[in-house]
PDB file of N, CA and C in Angstrom:
ATOM      1  N   UNK A   1      46.599  37.319 -15.529  1.00  0.00           N
ATOM      2  CA  UNK A   1      45.444  36.793 -16.225  1.00  0.00           C
ATOM      3  C   UNK A   1      45.751  35.353 -16.651  1.00  0.00           C
ATOM      4  N   UNK A   2      44.766  34.473 -16.404  1.00  0.00           N
ATOM      5  CA  UNK A   2      44.960  33.076 -16.743  1.00  0.00           C
ATOM      6  C   UNK A   2      44.571  32.790 -18.225  1.00  0.00           C
ATOM      7  N   UNK A   3      45.284  31.847 -18.779  1.00  0.00           N
ATOM      8  CA  UNK A   3      44.884  31.477 -20.163  1.00  0.00           C
ATOM      9  C   UNK A   3      43.805  30.373 -20.058  1.00  0.00           C
ATOM     10  N   UNK A   4      43.285  30.057 -21.163  1.00  0.00           N
ATOM     11  CA  UNK A   4      42.190  29.088 -21.259  1.00  0.00           C
ATOM     12  C   UNK A   4      42.550  27.719 -20.681  1.00  0.00           C
ATOM     13  N   UNK A   5      43.800  27.229 -20.925  1.00  0.00           N
ATOM     14  CA  UNK A   5      44.169  25.922 -20.396  1.00  0.00           C
ATOM     15  C   UNK A   5      44.216  25.927 -18.891  1.00  0.00           C
ATOM     16  N   UNK A   6      44.572  27.030 -18.252  1.00  0.00           N
ATOM     17  CA  UNK A   6      44.550  27.116 -16.792  1.00  0.00           C
ATOM     18  C   UNK A   6      43.120  27.047 -16.270  1.00  0.00           C
ATOM     19  N   UNK A   7      42.224  27.744 -16.975  1.00  0.00           N
ATOM     20  CA  UNK A   7      40.813  27.680 -16.575  1.00  0.00           C
ATOM     21  C   UNK A   7      40.241  26.263 -16.682  1.00  0.00           C
ATOM     22  N   UNK A   8      40.624  25.548 -17.750  1.00  0.00           N
ATOM     23  CA  UNK A   8      40.163  24.170 -17.918  1.00  0.00           C
ATOM     24  C   UNK A   8      40.738  23.267 -16.864  1.00  0.00           C
ATOM     25  N   UNK A   9      41.998  23.438 -16.576  1.00  0.00           N
ATOM     26  CA  UNK A   9      42.638  22.579 -15.545  1.00  0.00           C
ATOM     27  C   UNK A   9      42.029  22.853 -14.195  1.00  0.00           C
ATOM     28  N   UNK A  10      41.714  24.101 -13.902  1.00  0.00           N
ATOM     29  CA  UNK A  10      41.080  24.453 -12.642  1.00  0.00           C
ATOM     30  C   UNK A  10      39.700  23.806 -12.569  1.00  0.00           C
ATOM     31  N   UNK A  11      38.934  23.902 -13.665  1.00  0.00           N
ATOM     32  CA  UNK A  11      37.595  23.298 -13.678  1.00  0.00           C
ATOM     33  C   UNK A  11      37.680  21.776 -13.457  1.00  0.00           C
ATOM     34  N   UNK A  12      38.639  21.157 -14.111  1.00  0.00           N
ATOM     35  CA  UNK A  12      38.841  19.700 -13.949  1.00  0.00           C
ATOM     36  C   UNK A  12      39.189  19.369 -12.518  1.00  0.00           C
ATOM     37  N   UNK A  13      40.069  20.134 -11.895  1.00  0.00           N
ATOM     38  CA  UNK A  13      40.429  19.932 -10.512  1.00  0.00           C
ATOM     39  C   UNK A  13      39.236  20.056  -9.600  1.00  0.00           C
ATOM     40  N   UNK A  14      38.388  21.077  -9.783  1.00  0.00           N
ATOM     41  CA  UNK A  14      37.214  21.280  -8.972  1.00  0.00           C
ATOM     42  C   UNK A  14      36.273  20.096  -9.153  1.00  0.00           C
ATOM     43  N   UNK A  15      36.128  19.582 -10.360  1.00  0.00           N
ATOM     44  CA  UNK A  15      35.242  18.453 -10.601  1.00  0.00           C
ATOM     45  C   UNK A  15      35.778  17.219  -9.857  1.00  0.00           C
ATOM     46  N   UNK A  16      37.058  16.990  -9.922  1.00  0.00           N
ATOM     47  CA  UNK A  16      37.641  15.830  -9.214  1.00  0.00           C
ATOM     48  C   UNK A  16      37.419  15.993  -7.713  1.00  0.00           C
ATOM     49  N   UNK A  17      37.583  17.186  -7.172  1.00  0.00           N
ATOM     50  CA  UNK A  17      37.413  17.379  -5.741  1.00  0.00           C
ATOM     51  C   UNK A  17      35.942  17.156  -5.351  1.00  0.00           C
ATOM     52  N   UNK A  18      35.063  17.647  -6.218  1.00  0.00           N
ATOM     53  CA  UNK A  18      33.623  17.512  -5.923  1.00  0.00           C
ATOM     54  C   UNK A  18      33.202  16.039  -5.914  1.00  0.00           C
ATOM     55  N   UNK A  19      33.836  15.215  -6.720  1.00  0.00           N
ATOM     56  CA  UNK A  19      33.506  13.797  -6.787  1.00  0.00           C
ATOM     57  C   UNK A  19      33.957  13.029  -5.535  1.00  0.00           C
ATOM     58  N   UNK A  20      34.916  13.559  -4.851  1.00  0.00           N
ATOM     59  CA  UNK A  20      35.414  12.885  -3.633  1.00  0.00           C
ATOM     60  C   UNK A  20      34.341  12.716  -2.563  1.00  0.00           C
ATOM     61  N   UNK A  21      33.492  13.729  -2.422  1.00  0.00           N
ATOM     62  CA  UNK A  21      32.445  13.669  -1.367  1.00  0.00           C
ATOM     63  C   UNK A  21      31.428  12.569  -1.623  1.00  0.00           C
ATOM     64  N   UNK A  22      30.822  12.434  -2.808  1.00  0.00           N
ATOM     65  CA  UNK A  22      29.875  11.341  -3.024  1.00  0.00           C
ATOM     66  C   UNK A  22      30.587   9.995  -2.938  1.00  0.00           C
ATOM     67  N   UNK A  23      31.849   9.931  -3.372  1.00  0.00           N
ATOM     68  CA  UNK A  23      32.572   8.644  -3.272  1.00  0.00           C
ATOM     69  C   UNK A  23      32.703   8.238  -1.832  1.00  0.00           C
ATOM     70  N   UNK A  24      33.022   9.151  -0.989  1.00  0.00           N
ATOM     71  CA  UNK A  24      33.205   8.846   0.453  1.00  0.00           C
ATOM     72  C   UNK A  24      31.910   8.488   1.089  1.00  0.00           C
ATOM     73  N   UNK A  25      30.790   9.118   0.632  1.00  0.00           N
ATOM     74  CA  UNK A  25      29.470   8.885   1.206  1.00  0.00           C
ATOM     75  C   UNK A  25      28.750   7.700   0.584  1.00  0.00           C
ATOM     76  N   UNK A  26      29.295   7.177  -0.495  1.00  0.00           N
ATOM     77  CA  UNK A  26      28.657   6.048  -1.166  1.00  0.00           C
ATOM     78  C   UNK A  26      27.352   6.395  -1.873  1.00  0.00           C
ATOM     79  N   UNK A  27      27.265   7.607  -2.380  1.00  0.00           N
ATOM     80  CA  UNK A  27      26.045   8.060  -3.083  1.00  0.00           C
ATOM     81  C   UNK A  27      25.965   7.305  -4.434  1.00  0.00           C
ATOM     82  N   UNK A  28      24.803   6.738  -4.706  1.00  0.00           N
ATOM     83  CA  UNK A  28      24.649   5.899  -5.925  1.00  0.00           C
ATOM     84  C   UNK A  28      24.914   6.649  -7.226  1.00  0.00           C
ATOM     85  N   UNK A  29      24.756   7.930  -7.324  1.00  0.00           N
ATOM     86  CA  UNK A  29      24.952   8.678  -8.579  1.00  0.00           C
ATOM     87  C   UNK A  29      26.410   8.920  -8.896  1.00  0.00           C
ATOM     88  N   UNK A  30      27.308   8.384  -8.092  1.00  0.00           N
ATOM     89  CA  UNK A  30      28.719   8.633  -8.305  1.00  0.00           C
ATOM     90  C   UNK A  30      29.168   8.119  -9.687  1.00  0.00           C
ATOM     91  N   UNK A  31      28.571   7.056 -10.170  1.00  0.00           N
ATOM     92  CA  UNK A  31      28.945   6.530 -11.492  1.00  0.00           C
ATOM     93  C   UNK A  31      28.697   7.596 -12.582  1.00  0.00           C
ATOM     94  N   UNK A  32      27.575   8.291 -12.459  1.00  0.00           N
ATOM     95  CA  UNK A  32      27.266   9.366 -13.445  1.00  0.00           C
ATOM     96  C   UNK A  32      28.324  10.461 -13.347  1.00  0.00           C
ATOM     97  N   UNK A  33      28.734  10.805 -12.149  1.00  0.00           N
ATOM     98  CA  UNK A  33      29.738  11.828 -11.978  1.00  0.00           C
ATOM     99  C   UNK A  33      31.067  11.400 -12.521  1.00  0.00           C
ATOM    100  N   UNK A  34      31.434  10.137 -12.314  1.00  0.00           N
ATOM    101  CA  UNK A  34      32.694   9.628 -12.836  1.00  0.00           C
ATOM    102  C   UNK A  34      32.696   9.605 -14.372  1.00  0.00           C
ATOM    103  N   UNK A  35      31.559   9.242 -14.970  1.00  0.00           N
ATOM    104  CA  UNK A  35      31.434   9.233 -16.417  1.00  0.00           C
ATOM    105  C   UNK A  35      31.608  10.676 -16.975  1.00  0.00           C
ATOM    106  N   UNK A  36      30.998  11.617 -16.282  1.00  0.00           N
ATOM    107  CA  UNK A  36      31.113  13.012 -16.683  1.00  0.00           C
ATOM    108  C   UNK A  36      32.572  13.464 -16.633  1.00  0.00           C
ATOM    109  N   UNK A  37      33.249  13.072 -15.565  1.00  0.00           N
ATOM    110  CA  UNK A  37      34.657  13.451 -15.399  1.00  0.00           C
ATOM    111  C   UNK A  37      35.484  12.878 -16.576  1.00  0.00           C
ATOM    112  N   UNK A  38      35.250  11.651 -16.969  1.00  0.00           N
ATOM    113  CA  UNK A  38      35.969  11.053 -18.072  1.00  0.00           C
ATOM    114  C   UNK A  38      35.687  11.841 -19.361  1.00  0.00           C
ATOM    115  N   UNK A  39      34.452  12.249 -19.575  1.00  0.00           N
ATOM    116  CA  UNK A  39      34.108  13.013 -20.758  1.00  0.00           C
ATOM    117  C   UNK A  39      34.840  14.363 -20.783  1.00  0.00           C
ATOM    118  N   UNK A  40      34.935  14.991 -19.595  1.00  0.00           N
ATOM    119  CA  UNK A  40      35.630  16.250 -19.491  1.00  0.00           C
ATOM    120  C   UNK A  40      37.103  16.066 -19.828  1.00  0.00           C
ATOM    121  N   UNK A  41      37.727  15.007 -19.238  1.00  0.00           N
ATOM    122  CA  UNK A  41      39.113  14.775 -19.471  1.00  0.00           C
ATOM    123  C   UNK A  41      39.405  14.478 -20.950  1.00  0.00           C
ATOM    124  N   UNK A  42      38.544  13.716 -21.596  1.00  0.00           N
ATOM    125  CA  UNK A  42      38.707  13.433 -23.027  1.00  0.00           C
ATOM    126  C   UNK A  42      38.615  14.704 -23.850  1.00  0.00           C
ATOM    127  N   UNK A  43      37.674  15.532 -23.478  1.00  0.00           N
ATOM    128  CA  UNK A  43      37.490  16.830 -24.223  1.00  0.00           C
ATOM    129  C   UNK A  43      38.728  17.695 -24.046  1.00  0.00           C
ATOM    130  N   UNK A  44      39.259  17.729 -22.831  1.00  0.00           N
ATOM    131  CA  UNK A  44      40.423  18.607 -22.574  1.00  0.00           C
ATOM    132  C   UNK A  44      41.638  18.040 -23.301  1.00  0.00           C
ATOM    133  N   UNK A  45      41.767  16.761 -23.386  1.00  0.00           N
ATOM    134  CA  UNK A  45      42.930  16.156 -24.109  1.00  0.00           C
ATOM    135  C   UNK A  45      42.813  16.410 -25.612  1.00  0.00           C
ATOM    136  N   UNK A  46      41.614  16.544 -26.117  1.00  0.00           N
ATOM    137  CA  UNK A  46      41.396  16.757 -27.506  1.00  0.00           C
ATOM    138  C   UNK A  46      41.633  18.204 -27.917  1.00  0.00           C
ATOM    139  N   UNK A  47      41.665  19.114 -26.982  1.00  0.00           N
ATOM    140  CA  UNK A  47      41.889  20.528 -27.309  1.00  0.00           C
ATOM    141  C   UNK A  47      43.288  20.889 -27.100  1.00  0.00           C
TER     142      UNK A  47
END
């Protein structure tokens, strides 16, 4: 059974992987995704 920190790290990893596709395709909304990723990282560091 995974603890909460493993779940959070897995979610962060999936988010980072998901951002790779729009970055490679040059999708304009990538900035929004990157900002969301930063917010997630800050939240995880605070917990």
